[in-house]
Every structure is written in C-alpha cells, then in structure tokens.
Protein backbone atom coordinates (compact mmCIF):
# COMPACT_ATOMS: atom_id res chain seq x y z
CA MET A 1 109.04 91.32 185.70
CA THR A 2 109.71 87.54 186.06
CA HIS A 3 113.09 85.79 185.81
CA ASP A 4 113.51 82.14 184.70
CA ALA A 5 114.81 80.00 187.56
CA PRO A 6 118.20 78.40 186.86
CA VAL A 7 118.03 74.85 185.61
CA PRO A 8 119.33 72.47 188.30
CA ASN A 9 122.26 70.16 187.50
CA ARG A 10 121.39 66.55 186.76
CA ALA A 11 123.31 63.74 188.38
CA LEU A 12 123.28 59.97 188.00
CA VAL A 13 124.69 57.93 190.88
CA ALA A 14 125.59 54.27 190.29
CA ASP A 15 126.67 52.26 193.31
CA PRO A 16 125.85 48.59 194.34
CA ASP A 17 126.21 49.54 198.03
CA PRO A 18 122.67 50.62 199.12
CA ALA A 19 123.82 52.69 202.13
CA ARG A 20 126.52 54.58 200.19
CA LEU A 21 124.13 55.06 197.26
CA ALA A 22 121.53 56.65 199.54
CA GLU A 23 123.97 58.98 201.28
CA THR A 24 125.44 60.11 197.93
CA VAL A 25 122.02 60.79 196.50
CA ALA A 26 121.06 62.77 199.65
CA ALA A 27 124.28 64.86 199.52
CA LEU A 28 123.79 65.75 195.84
CA ALA A 29 120.15 66.61 196.34
CA ALA A 30 121.13 68.88 199.19
CA ALA A 31 123.55 70.61 196.80
CA GLY A 32 120.69 71.33 194.41
CA PHE A 33 121.04 68.36 192.01
CA LEU A 34 118.25 66.50 190.34
CA VAL A 35 119.42 62.96 191.14
CA ARG A 36 118.73 59.53 189.65
CA SER A 37 120.23 56.34 191.00
CA ALA A 38 121.33 52.96 189.65
CA PRO A 39 122.20 50.08 191.96
CA ASP A 40 123.58 47.74 189.26
CA ALA A 41 124.85 47.56 185.68
CA GLY A 42 121.46 46.93 184.11
CA SER A 43 119.80 49.93 185.73
CA LEU A 44 122.91 52.00 184.90
CA ALA A 45 122.57 51.15 181.20
CA ALA A 46 118.83 51.92 181.27
CA ALA A 47 119.48 55.26 182.99
CA LEU A 48 122.08 56.21 180.38
CA GLU A 49 119.70 55.35 177.61
CA SER A 50 116.74 57.33 179.06
CA GLU A 51 118.20 60.81 179.38
CA PRO A 52 121.58 62.62 179.65
CA SER A 53 123.20 63.72 182.90
CA ASP A 54 125.49 66.60 183.73
CA VAL A 55 127.66 64.37 185.96
CA LEU A 56 127.97 60.65 186.76
CA VAL A 57 129.09 59.50 190.24
CA VAL A 58 130.04 55.84 189.71
CA ASP A 59 131.46 53.12 191.88
CA ASN A 60 134.71 51.69 190.51
CA ASP A 61 133.09 48.20 190.28
CA LEU A 62 130.68 49.56 187.62
CA ARG A 63 133.28 51.49 185.67
CA GLU A 64 133.58 48.98 182.86
CA PHE A 65 129.90 49.50 182.02
CA LEU A 66 130.37 53.18 181.12
CA PRO A 67 130.77 54.07 177.40
CA ARG A 68 133.46 56.45 176.18
CA ASN A 69 132.73 60.20 176.15
CA VAL A 70 129.65 59.73 178.28
CA GLY A 71 130.24 63.02 180.14
CA PRO A 72 131.93 64.14 183.34
CA VAL A 73 132.60 61.08 185.53
CA LEU A 74 133.42 61.08 189.28
CA LEU A 75 134.83 57.62 190.09
CA MET A 76 134.55 56.32 193.72
CA LEU A 77 137.49 54.11 194.71
CA ASP A 78 138.40 52.01 197.69
CA PRO A 79 141.84 53.03 199.13
CA GLU A 80 143.25 49.69 198.00
CA ASP A 81 141.91 50.08 194.42
CA GLU A 82 144.51 50.74 191.69
CA LEU A 83 143.73 53.91 189.76
CA ASP A 84 143.30 53.25 185.97
CA VAL A 85 144.47 56.52 184.40
CA ALA A 86 143.59 55.27 180.90
CA ALA A 87 139.96 54.87 182.00
CA LEU A 88 139.88 58.49 183.20
CA GLU A 89 141.34 59.65 179.84
CA ALA A 90 138.54 57.76 177.96
CA TRP A 91 135.96 60.06 179.54
CA ALA A 92 137.85 63.33 178.88
CA ILE A 93 136.38 65.04 181.96
CA ALA A 94 136.94 62.74 184.98
CA ASP A 95 138.14 62.69 188.55
CA PHE A 96 138.16 60.29 191.52
CA ILE A 97 137.46 60.25 195.25
CA TYR A 98 137.75 57.67 197.93
CA LYS A 99 134.61 56.05 199.29
CA GLY A 100 135.51 56.88 202.85
CA GLN A 101 135.38 60.65 202.21
CA ALA A 102 132.35 62.63 203.38
CA PRO A 103 129.23 62.58 201.14
CA SER A 104 129.30 66.39 200.99
CA PHE A 105 132.80 66.14 199.43
CA ARG A 106 131.33 63.96 196.66
CA ALA A 107 128.81 66.71 195.93
CA SER A 108 131.48 69.45 195.82
CA ARG A 109 133.69 67.38 193.54
CA ALA A 110 130.71 66.77 191.26
CA LEU A 111 130.21 70.55 191.04
CA VAL A 112 133.87 71.02 190.16
CA LEU A 113 133.59 68.45 187.36
CA ILE A 114 130.57 70.23 185.92
CA ALA A 115 132.45 73.55 186.03
CA ARG A 116 135.38 71.93 184.27
CA ALA A 117 133.07 70.55 181.59
CA ALA A 118 131.46 73.96 181.09
CA GLU A 119 134.84 75.59 180.81
CA ARG A 120 135.93 72.97 178.29
CA THR A 121 132.81 73.57 176.25
CA ARG A 122 133.36 77.33 176.38
CA ARG A 123 136.93 76.96 175.19
CA ARG A 124 135.89 74.65 172.41
CA SER A 125 133.24 77.16 171.36
CA GLU A 126 135.74 79.98 171.43
CA ALA A 127 138.24 77.94 169.43
CA GLU A 128 135.64 77.10 166.81
CA SER A 129 134.54 80.74 166.64
CA LEU A 130 138.17 81.82 166.22
CA ARG A 131 138.75 79.06 163.64
CA GLU A 132 135.70 80.31 161.65
CA SER A 133 136.82 83.93 161.91
CA LEU A 134 140.32 83.18 160.67
CA ARG A 135 138.89 80.94 157.94
CA LYS A 136 137.05 84.01 156.71
CA VAL A 137 140.30 85.96 156.84
CA SER A 138 141.99 83.31 154.64
CA ALA A 139 139.03 83.35 152.23
CA ALA A 140 139.23 87.16 152.01
CA ILE A 141 142.98 86.92 151.33
CA ARG A 142 142.36 84.43 148.49
CA SER A 143 139.54 86.54 147.00
CA THR A 144 141.85 89.28 145.65
CA ILE A 145 145.17 89.69 143.84
CA ASP A 146 145.70 93.22 145.06
CA PRO A 147 148.58 93.18 147.53
CA GLY A 148 147.31 96.21 149.47
CA ARG A 149 143.90 94.59 149.95
CA ILE A 150 145.47 91.29 150.96
CA ALA A 151 147.49 93.02 153.68
CA ARG A 152 144.38 94.95 154.74
CA HIS A 153 142.26 91.79 155.01
CA LEU A 154 145.01 90.23 157.11
CA VAL A 155 145.46 92.89 159.76
CA ASP A 156 141.80 93.80 160.02
CA GLY A 157 140.66 90.20 160.24
CA ILE A 158 143.28 89.05 162.79
CA GLY A 159 142.74 92.15 164.88
CA GLU A 160 138.99 91.63 165.15
CA ALA A 161 139.15 87.84 165.49
CA LEU A 162 141.70 87.84 168.33
CA GLY A 163 140.43 90.90 170.15
CA ALA A 164 143.87 92.49 169.64
CA GLU A 165 144.93 96.05 170.36
CA HIS A 166 147.37 96.34 167.46
CA VAL A 167 148.33 94.25 164.39
CA TRP A 168 151.24 95.15 162.13
CA PHE A 169 152.44 93.37 159.01
CA THR A 170 155.25 94.02 156.53
CA THR A 171 157.10 92.09 153.77
CA PHE A 172 160.84 92.14 153.22
CA GLN A 173 162.60 92.98 149.98
CA ASP A 174 162.10 89.85 147.88
CA THR A 175 161.56 89.22 144.16
CA ARG A 176 158.72 86.80 144.90
CA VAL A 177 156.37 89.17 146.76
CA PRO A 178 155.49 92.89 146.47
CA GLN A 179 156.66 95.37 149.09
CA VAL A 180 153.63 95.97 151.27
CA SER A 181 152.80 97.00 154.87
CA ALA A 182 149.59 97.41 156.83
CA GLU A 183 148.57 98.25 160.38
CA TRP A 184 145.39 97.80 162.42
CA ASN A 185 144.55 99.43 165.74
CA ALA A 186 141.57 98.74 167.98
CA PRO A 187 138.88 101.50 167.96
CA GLY A 188 139.89 104.42 170.14
CA LEU A 189 143.59 103.46 170.25
CA VAL A 190 146.44 105.35 168.71
CA PRO A 191 148.94 103.37 166.59
CA GLY A 192 150.92 100.93 168.71
CA VAL A 193 154.62 101.36 169.48
CA LEU A 194 156.60 98.55 167.93
CA PRO A 195 158.65 96.44 170.34
CA ARG A 196 162.38 97.07 170.17
CA GLU A 197 162.84 93.69 168.45
CA LEU A 198 161.04 95.11 165.38
CA THR A 199 162.38 98.63 165.22
CA ASP A 200 165.47 97.77 163.15
CA ASN A 201 164.96 96.31 159.65
CA ILE A 202 167.94 93.99 159.79
CA ALA A 203 167.16 92.74 163.29
CA THR A 204 163.47 92.20 162.30
CA PHE A 205 164.57 90.16 159.27
CA GLU A 206 167.01 88.03 161.30
CA LEU A 207 164.36 87.38 163.98
CA ALA A 208 161.79 86.39 161.33
CA GLU A 209 164.33 84.23 159.53
CA ARG A 210 165.21 82.35 162.71
CA LEU A 211 161.61 81.80 163.62
CA TRP A 212 160.75 80.58 160.13
CA ALA A 213 163.72 78.16 160.12
CA GLU A 214 162.55 76.79 163.52
CA ALA A 215 158.84 76.78 162.55
CA GLU A 216 158.15 78.82 165.71
CA VAL A 217 156.60 82.08 166.78
CA GLN A 218 158.08 84.52 169.31
CA PRO A 219 155.85 85.52 172.25
CA LEU A 220 157.26 88.71 173.69
CA PRO A 221 157.04 88.90 177.50
CA LYS A 222 154.70 91.33 179.31
CA ARG A 223 156.52 94.43 180.38
CA ALA A 224 155.02 97.17 182.51
CA PRO A 225 155.17 100.71 181.14
CA SER A 226 158.17 102.52 182.51
CA GLY A 227 156.76 106.00 182.32
CA GLY A 228 158.90 106.98 179.36
CA SER A 229 157.75 109.27 176.54
CA ALA A 230 154.84 108.23 174.37
CA GLY A 231 157.06 108.12 171.36
CA ALA A 232 159.59 105.74 172.81
CA GLY A 233 160.64 103.21 170.23
CA ALA A 234 160.65 100.24 172.58
CA LEU A 235 158.13 97.99 174.31
CA GLY A 236 158.82 99.64 177.66
CA GLY A 237 157.70 103.04 176.42
CA ALA A 238 154.47 104.67 177.69
CA GLY A 239 151.42 103.41 175.81
CA ALA A 240 153.29 100.34 174.55
CA PRO A 241 151.38 97.05 174.59
CA SER A 242 152.37 94.72 177.45
CA ALA A 243 152.17 91.38 175.61
CA SER A 244 152.60 90.46 171.94
CA VAL A 245 153.70 87.76 169.53
CA VAL A 246 155.82 87.79 166.38
CA VAL A 247 154.80 85.40 163.58
CA PRO A 248 157.04 84.84 160.53
CA VAL A 249 155.59 84.62 157.00
CA GLY A 250 157.50 82.53 154.50
CA GLU A 251 157.56 79.97 151.72
CA GLY A 252 159.98 77.13 151.24
CA ASP A 253 163.33 77.94 152.85
CA LEU A 254 162.98 81.73 152.69
CA VAL A 255 161.13 84.17 154.97
CA LEU A 256 158.99 86.76 153.21
CA GLY A 257 157.58 88.97 155.99
CA VAL A 258 156.50 89.23 159.62
CA ILE A 259 153.27 89.78 161.56
CA TRP A 260 153.18 91.41 165.01
CA ILE A 261 150.01 91.02 167.19
CA ALA A 262 149.56 92.83 170.50
CA ARG A 263 146.83 92.06 173.01
CA PRO A 264 145.56 93.79 176.17
CA ASP A 265 147.08 93.13 179.60
CA THR A 266 143.94 91.26 180.62
CA ALA A 267 144.18 88.74 177.75
CA GLN A 268 145.17 85.16 178.50
CA GLU A 269 148.44 83.75 177.36
CA TRP A 270 148.69 82.72 173.67
CA THR A 271 147.22 79.20 173.30
CA ARG A 272 148.60 76.51 171.01
CA ALA A 273 145.37 76.57 169.04
CA GLU A 274 145.58 80.33 168.46
CA ILE A 275 149.21 80.15 167.34
CA GLY A 276 148.41 77.24 164.98
CA LEU A 277 145.53 79.13 163.39
CA ILE A 278 147.65 82.29 162.97
CA GLN A 279 150.36 80.23 161.30
CA HIS A 280 147.77 78.71 158.96
CA VAL A 281 146.60 82.21 157.98
CA SER A 282 150.21 83.30 157.45
CA GLY A 283 150.63 80.36 155.04
CA ASN A 284 147.60 81.53 153.01
CA LEU A 285 149.00 85.03 153.16
CA ALA A 286 152.34 83.97 151.69
CA TYR A 287 150.62 82.04 148.88
CA GLY A 288 148.25 84.95 148.20
CA LEU A 289 151.04 87.51 147.99
CA MET A 290 153.18 85.30 145.70
CA GLN A 291 150.23 84.66 143.40
CA SER A 292 149.46 88.39 143.47
CA HIS A 293 152.97 89.27 142.50
CA LEU A 294 153.12 86.66 139.76
CA ILE A 295 149.73 87.58 138.27
CA GLY A 296 150.57 91.28 138.53
CA ALA A 297 153.81 90.72 136.63
CA GLN A 298 151.95 88.67 134.02
CA GLN A 299 149.35 91.43 133.66
CA GLN A 300 152.12 94.05 133.19
CA VAL A 301 153.62 91.86 130.43
CA MET A 302 150.22 91.49 128.86
CA TYR A 303 149.57 95.22 128.97
CA LYS A 304 152.98 95.82 127.36
CA LEU A 305 152.24 93.26 124.65
CA GLN A 306 148.88 94.88 124.03
CA GLU A 307 150.54 98.30 123.74
CA LEU A 308 153.14 96.85 121.32
CA ASP A 309 150.45 95.13 119.31
CA GLN A 310 148.44 98.35 119.04
CA ALA A 311 151.60 100.25 118.10
CA LYS A 312 152.25 97.63 115.44
CA THR A 313 148.71 97.91 114.10
CA ASP A 314 148.95 101.72 114.03
CA PHE A 315 152.31 101.57 112.28
CA LEU A 316 151.13 99.14 109.64
CA THR A 317 147.97 101.20 109.05
CA THR A 318 150.06 104.35 108.61
CA VAL A 319 152.64 102.64 106.38
CA ASN A 320 149.92 101.02 104.24
CA HIS A 321 148.25 104.38 103.80
CA GLU A 322 151.55 106.09 102.85
CA LEU A 323 152.37 103.26 100.38
CA ARG A 324 148.91 103.08 98.88
CA THR A 325 148.86 106.79 97.93
CA PRO A 326 151.96 106.80 95.57
CA LEU A 327 151.05 103.31 94.28
CA THR A 328 147.63 104.57 93.20
CA SER A 329 149.33 107.37 91.30
CA ILE A 330 151.77 104.92 89.64
CA THR A 331 149.03 102.56 88.46
CA ALA A 332 146.92 105.51 87.19
CA TYR A 333 149.81 106.81 85.06
CA LEU A 334 150.46 103.24 83.79
CA ASP A 335 146.84 103.00 82.71
CA MET A 336 147.15 106.38 80.94
CA ILE A 337 150.35 105.33 79.15
CA ARG A 338 148.76 102.09 78.00
CA ALA A 339 145.73 104.04 76.75
CA GLY A 340 148.01 106.08 74.51
CA ALA A 341 147.89 109.35 76.49
CA GLY A 342 151.57 109.90 75.83
CA GLY A 343 151.53 108.62 72.28
CA PRO A 344 152.33 105.21 70.71
CA LEU A 345 154.80 103.07 72.66
CA PRO A 346 157.73 101.31 71.06
CA ALA A 347 157.55 97.54 71.43
CA GLY A 348 160.40 97.33 73.92
CA VAL A 349 158.90 100.09 76.12
CA GLY A 350 155.53 98.28 76.13
CA ARG A 351 157.14 95.15 77.61
CA MET A 352 158.79 97.32 80.23
CA VAL A 353 155.39 98.88 81.12
CA ASP A 354 153.93 95.35 81.46
CA VAL A 355 156.69 94.44 83.94
CA ILE A 356 156.11 97.60 85.94
CA SER A 357 152.34 96.93 85.92
CA ARG A 358 152.77 93.32 87.16
CA ASN A 359 155.05 94.43 89.98
CA ALA A 360 152.76 97.31 90.93
CA GLU A 361 149.89 94.77 91.22
CA ARG A 362 152.12 92.52 93.28
CA LEU A 363 152.90 95.44 95.59
CA ARG A 364 149.20 96.31 95.86
CA ARG A 365 148.38 92.79 96.98
CA LEU A 366 151.22 92.82 99.45
CA ILE A 367 149.91 96.10 100.95
CA GLU A 368 146.40 94.65 101.20
CA ASP A 369 147.73 91.49 102.91
CA MET A 370 149.65 93.59 105.45
CA LEU A 371 146.56 95.65 106.20
CA THR A 372 144.47 92.49 106.58
CA VAL A 373 146.97 90.99 109.06
CA SER A 374 147.07 94.17 111.10
CA HIS A 375 143.29 94.05 111.43
CA GLN A 376 142.86 90.28 111.91
CA ASP A 377 142.22 90.50 115.61
CA THR A 378 139.95 93.54 115.45
CA SER A 379 138.13 93.18 112.11
CA GLY A 380 134.65 92.93 113.63
CA ASP A 381 131.80 90.74 112.57
CA LEU A 382 131.55 88.95 109.28
CA GLN A 383 129.06 90.29 106.74
CA LEU A 384 127.29 86.96 106.08
CA SER A 385 125.17 86.19 103.04
CA ARG A 386 124.34 83.16 100.87
CA VAL A 387 127.37 82.61 98.60
CA ASN A 388 127.35 80.32 95.59
CA VAL A 389 130.65 78.43 95.79
CA GLY A 390 130.80 77.51 92.08
CA THR A 391 130.18 81.10 90.94
CA LEU A 392 132.79 82.42 93.36
CA LEU A 393 135.43 79.92 92.23
CA ARG A 394 134.79 80.71 88.51
CA LEU A 395 135.22 84.44 89.27
CA VAL A 396 138.55 83.85 91.10
CA VAL A 397 139.88 81.44 88.45
CA SER A 398 139.02 83.84 85.56
CA THR A 399 140.81 86.62 87.41
CA LEU A 400 143.94 84.55 87.87
CA GLN A 401 143.85 82.90 84.36
CA PRO A 402 146.15 85.51 82.84
CA LEU A 403 148.75 84.83 85.51
CA ALA A 404 148.56 81.10 84.78
CA ASP A 405 148.77 81.76 81.04
CA SER A 406 151.89 83.84 81.52
CA ARG A 407 153.53 80.72 83.13
CA SER A 408 152.12 78.25 80.53
CA LEU A 409 150.23 76.56 83.35
CA SER A 410 147.09 74.48 82.96
CA LEU A 411 144.41 75.96 85.36
CA THR A 412 141.20 73.93 85.54
CA VAL A 413 138.10 74.11 87.70
CA MET A 414 135.53 71.39 88.38
CA HIS A 415 132.33 71.99 90.44
CA ALA A 416 130.00 69.77 92.32
CA PRO A 417 126.72 69.13 90.47
CA GLY A 418 123.84 71.48 91.32
CA THR A 419 123.96 74.70 93.28
CA VAL A 420 126.16 74.61 96.39
CA THR A 421 125.96 77.59 98.74
CA VAL A 422 127.44 78.52 102.11
CA GLN A 423 126.73 81.33 104.62
CA ALA A 424 129.84 83.49 104.34
CA ASP A 425 131.34 86.90 103.94
CA GLU A 426 131.72 86.87 100.13
CA ALA A 427 134.57 89.36 99.96
CA LYS A 428 136.65 87.54 102.53
CA LEU A 429 135.93 84.11 101.08
CA GLU A 430 137.03 85.43 97.66
CA GLN A 431 140.26 86.55 99.34
CA VAL A 432 140.77 83.05 100.76
CA PHE A 433 140.46 81.30 97.36
CA ALA A 434 142.49 84.05 95.56
CA ASN A 435 145.33 83.60 98.05
CA ILE A 436 145.34 79.79 97.81
CA ILE A 437 145.07 79.58 93.97
CA SER A 438 147.60 82.37 93.36
CA ASN A 439 150.03 80.51 95.72
CA ALA A 440 149.53 77.32 93.68
CA ILE A 441 150.32 79.15 90.47
CA LYS A 442 153.30 80.91 91.96
CA PHE A 443 154.93 77.72 93.34
CA THR A 444 154.24 75.56 90.29
CA PRO A 445 157.02 75.50 87.62
CA ASP A 446 156.24 76.59 84.04
CA GLY A 447 154.17 74.00 82.20
CA GLY A 448 152.69 72.50 85.39
CA HIS A 449 149.04 72.02 86.36
CA VAL A 450 146.74 73.59 88.97
CA ALA A 451 143.32 71.93 89.50
CA VAL A 452 140.48 73.49 91.49
CA SER A 453 137.55 71.32 92.49
CA SER A 454 134.60 71.47 94.84
CA GLY A 455 132.30 68.82 96.33
CA VAL A 456 129.87 68.08 99.13
CA THR A 457 130.69 65.73 102.01
CA SER A 458 128.25 64.32 104.50
CA ASP A 459 129.79 61.78 106.91
CA PRO A 460 127.48 60.10 109.45
CA GLY A 461 127.13 62.23 112.59
CA THR A 462 128.71 65.32 111.04
CA VAL A 463 127.35 68.56 109.60
CA PRO A 464 127.20 68.45 105.76
CA SER A 465 130.10 70.48 104.35
CA VAL A 466 131.42 71.79 101.07
CA VAL A 467 135.06 70.98 100.36
CA VAL A 468 137.16 73.07 97.91
CA ARG A 469 140.49 71.46 96.92
CA VAL A 470 143.38 73.25 95.13
CA GLU A 471 145.96 70.78 93.81
CA ASP A 472 149.22 71.75 92.13
CA THR A 473 152.29 70.07 90.69
CA GLY A 474 154.61 72.58 92.34
CA VAL A 475 157.79 72.39 94.36
CA GLY A 476 156.00 71.19 97.51
CA ILE A 477 156.80 71.93 101.16
CA PRO A 478 159.35 70.11 103.38
CA GLU A 479 157.57 67.75 105.73
CA THR A 480 159.17 69.32 108.80
CA GLU A 481 157.81 72.74 107.86
CA ILE A 482 154.15 71.96 107.05
CA ASP A 483 152.99 72.77 110.62
CA GLN A 484 154.36 76.32 110.26
CA VAL A 485 152.67 77.33 106.96
CA PHE A 486 149.87 79.20 108.82
CA THR A 487 152.35 81.31 110.77
CA ARG A 488 152.48 84.94 109.67
CA PHE A 489 155.48 85.76 107.48
CA PHE A 490 156.68 82.16 107.37
CA ARG A 491 158.09 81.03 104.05
CA ALA A 492 159.24 77.48 103.26
CA SER A 493 162.99 77.08 103.01
CA ASN A 494 162.87 75.78 99.46
CA ALA A 495 160.81 78.79 98.37
CA SER A 496 163.39 81.17 99.78
CA THR A 497 166.24 79.19 98.16
CA ALA A 498 164.51 79.34 94.75
CA ALA A 499 163.91 83.08 95.24
CA ILE A 500 160.18 82.63 94.66
CA PRO A 501 158.65 85.98 95.69
CA GLY A 502 156.11 86.24 98.51
CA SER A 503 155.40 87.69 101.93
CA GLY A 504 154.39 84.54 103.81
CA LEU A 505 150.98 86.03 104.62
CA GLY A 506 148.60 84.38 102.15
CA LEU A 507 147.91 81.10 103.98
CA ALA A 508 147.93 82.85 107.42
CA ILE A 509 145.19 85.19 106.24
CA ALA A 510 143.25 82.41 104.59
CA HIS A 511 143.43 80.20 107.67
CA ASP A 512 142.16 83.00 109.94
CA ILE A 513 139.21 83.77 107.68
CA VAL A 514 138.25 80.09 107.30
CA GLU A 515 138.30 79.57 111.10
CA ARG A 516 136.08 82.60 111.56
CA HIS A 517 133.60 80.91 109.25
CA SER A 518 133.68 77.77 111.51
CA GLY A 519 135.56 75.98 108.79
CA ARG A 520 138.81 74.12 108.42
CA LEU A 521 141.87 74.58 106.23
CA ASP A 522 144.29 71.68 105.70
CA VAL A 523 147.56 71.34 103.80
CA GLU A 524 149.08 68.15 102.35
CA SER A 525 152.37 68.31 100.50
CA ALA A 526 155.18 66.21 99.09
CA LEU A 527 158.50 67.79 98.29
CA GLY A 528 159.01 67.96 94.52
CA VAL A 529 155.54 66.43 93.81
CA GLY A 530 153.07 69.13 94.76
CA THR A 531 150.69 70.52 97.33
CA THR A 532 146.93 70.13 98.00
CA VAL A 533 145.11 72.78 100.08
CA SER A 534 141.57 71.85 101.27
CA VAL A 535 138.97 74.32 102.54
CA GLN A 536 135.97 72.80 104.38
CA LEU A 537 133.01 75.01 105.20
CA PRO A 538 129.53 74.20 106.67
CA LEU A 539 126.98 73.76 103.91
CA ASP A 540 124.05 76.20 103.80
CA THR A 541 121.21 73.84 104.85
CA GLU A 542 118.56 76.20 103.46
CA ASN A 543 119.45 75.13 99.89
C-alpha cells in the first residue's frame, strides 16, 4: 500500500542583500521548504504573479511592494528600523524578525506563520460551517407555525451544530407567545441537570430579563462535579455539565424565553462568533413563535366563525323548512276557497282572501330569499345554458304585471333588436331580474313608471356584453347609503321611515348571482327622483 508524500511548504524570499538572501534560502530549504528568491522589486512582482507561496520572507526595504492580503509575511528588520504595525495588519498573518538573528530562526518563524495561517483557515471554515448549520436552523424555524415543532427545530439544530451535550429551551408566561418547552441531549446521554441559576422560575425570568436588557449572554463557569447525587438540582451535582451558556429570547423591551446550552469539558470557550450566531437564531425564534401564536389565534377565530356560519346555515335551513310546511298548507286552502270548495264568498270576504294571498306570497318569497342567502357560499356550480335575454325579461315582466297594475304603475319593457343570448343559469338569472324589477315596483309610488330595457355594448378592447337596465321613478336612495345596498339585510333609511316592506336581501342575492356569472351590477340613484339598476353580462359569442 502506498501513501502520498506530504506536499512541502512553498516559500518566497525577497532580499536585496545577496549574502543574506542566500543564507535564508539555504535555511528554509534545510527545513523542507520549496524556495524561490527575488533580489529586487521587479523580480518580487514577477514571482508573486507566477504562483502562490505559503509564506513570504521579505526585507523591510521591499515591504511597500507587497499587495494587501498576499499571505503570511515574515518581515526582516534592522534593529534601528521602526516597526510599522499598520503594515503588519494589512497582511492579516504577519510577524517580524531582526536580520541579525540566525537563519535557522527565520525558518522556524516561517513555519510558525504557516501554522497560524492554517489555524486561521480552519477557524474560518468552522465558523462558516457553523453559520450554515445555524442558518438551516433558522430556516427550519421559519418553515412552520407549530410552536412545538419550532422549539424542536431549535434545540435539535443548536445541539447538533455546536456539538453540545444538552440544550434546553422554555418560554415564559406571555400573551404574545405560546407556552412551550423542549430539550435535546446528545446520543447516549441522560437529560442534563439544569444549573442552579435556572431551577427557580422567578430567578430564571429575572436572569433572562437582565441579559435581554443588557443585550448579553451569561456564560456559566466550569465547575467540577462534587460527587453529589445524580439528581442534584445544581450545576455541581454528579453528571452535571461543566460549562454552559444562558441566552435570552425576547422582542422589543420584553423577554420571552431562555435557551441553555451545555458543552463538554473539552470544548473551547464560547467564541464571539458563536454567541453572535446563537443570538441571531434566538431572534428568528422569537419572531417565529410570535407569528405562530398570532396565526394560531387567527385560525381559532376563523374556525369559530366557520362553526358559527355553519350553525347559521343549519338554523336557516331548519327554520325555512318549518315555515314552508305550514305556508304550503295555507296557500293550498286559499286556492281551495277561491275555487269555491267552501261555497260562494261574500264580496268583503273575497277581498280579505286576496290580502291573505298577497301576504302569503310575500312570505313565500322572503323564505326563498333567506334560503338563497344561507346557501350563497355553498351553492355549487351554475347550471349553464344558452338563455334568451328578451324572452326571460318578458316572462319576468308578465309575472310582475299584476303587482304593477295593483299600484297603477306603468311597467314597460324594450328589447335590443335581434336575438340576444348569454351563457347563464336560467333559474338564477330569472331570480336576479325578478328581485330587481319587484324592488323597483315596490319603491315607486302609485302612478309612477318602471322601464325595463336591454341592449348590447361593445367598447374597444372589451368583451361584448348585454346590459339590462331597470329604471324607476321611485323614492330613490340617499347618496351616503348607495355603497351599502349589496349588504345582506341592509335597508335604506327612507324605506324604513316610509314603512315600505322588505327584507334587505333582494339586491344582495342579485349581486352575488351576477358576480358568479362574471358580470357586474351597478346602482345609480337620486333621492326623490328614482333609481336605475344595471346588469351587465358577457354576451354569448356563439350567436
């Protein structure tokens, strides 16, 4: 079996003194270096261009020709030379020796610089690896709104990323975050014993509050086990970790929780980079928990609203059924009375029966409107077919003509020339026009006028549409209330004052149906002058 030989270190020596240059090169070569030399600034620049070196041994007179961050630099000074500390800082890894020191010392110092550079690279690599690991922890925290999973991602991720023995996290009682705790223990270890600073809830909160106010963490000192019982509730107990750190979790001015991380005896002291990264994760943790709590509360409200809405729908369905049954019986007996089943009716009784019949019909429409509203959000797909708009309007107007006649109203209808059709649910579209035209009749004083018209519009760049307009000479709607007319159960103030009957559902139902047909319903009104309701629907292009 063969083993690759270690790669020798590469050195570049730059010195205008030929004798010192030769002895430095010889000493480095004896120490195992592959050495190149440069007697002046030009050859130094060429050597730097040609290939990298692991260390540069440079005479102070050539220092100004070295670029920044060129690599480890060993500067050779005369005893009378003034040391330029700023120059050493520019190269990050640098040291100096005096020219009078032995050449072998130059070689040993070069080896020390290379070791320092390797250690610096190792630490940078570890810091980047830790940064990436904790970045993944933050991403995992942000990926869920479940507080238990957030806490689990935190302790598991920090424990594995930092090579910890134990990680413990808890939140305090606070309206902004859920109460949650989680613990992580390295494989093969029993749960850690909390340090005495965290065994009392009040003391733990006060410690975390102080640390959060000071934007600090609390490293707890290493303490050797004292041989006490394994269940001792203090850091000195047997099996207790010897070194740990307490990190507060907070938002704004208030602390929300605390993280405790314990590492093995052999671990190095907590570095500033590690503490900074842990604090960054704790910030993401606080945000994640607050969002989780807020979204959870919103979801609970939504679930409650859904339950209430379903209860409302069930109630309306039940009430409608219970009302419809006796109403059907009433209207059936009214029809029998009118047909003469009980014998001829005196003139006065006949008028009474007509009043009962009209109010029974009004009650029937109200029940149907209530049922429609209760099913608006769950009424399923529309049953689309080609609907002739002119035919549908004539049908609705003929049905409502007796109501207009009873009020001495003029009810007219005017259609667009030719056949105009739309793709629609005919029954629902009939309900739309019936609601709008019956509203116009109801809110127009005796002797007034209601005009129904239809036409085709085709503006440039828009889909051709059919527009149905219902104009009346009624009481009108106050300008400040027009935006509310599509709200369920809303009734204009002047309608209520005039005791005009109605449920406030007609336009709400019509608006919902028109929107489901990809159409538009508009209302224009002037108080005391009248109201115009327009329904715009996409034209059936297969005409």
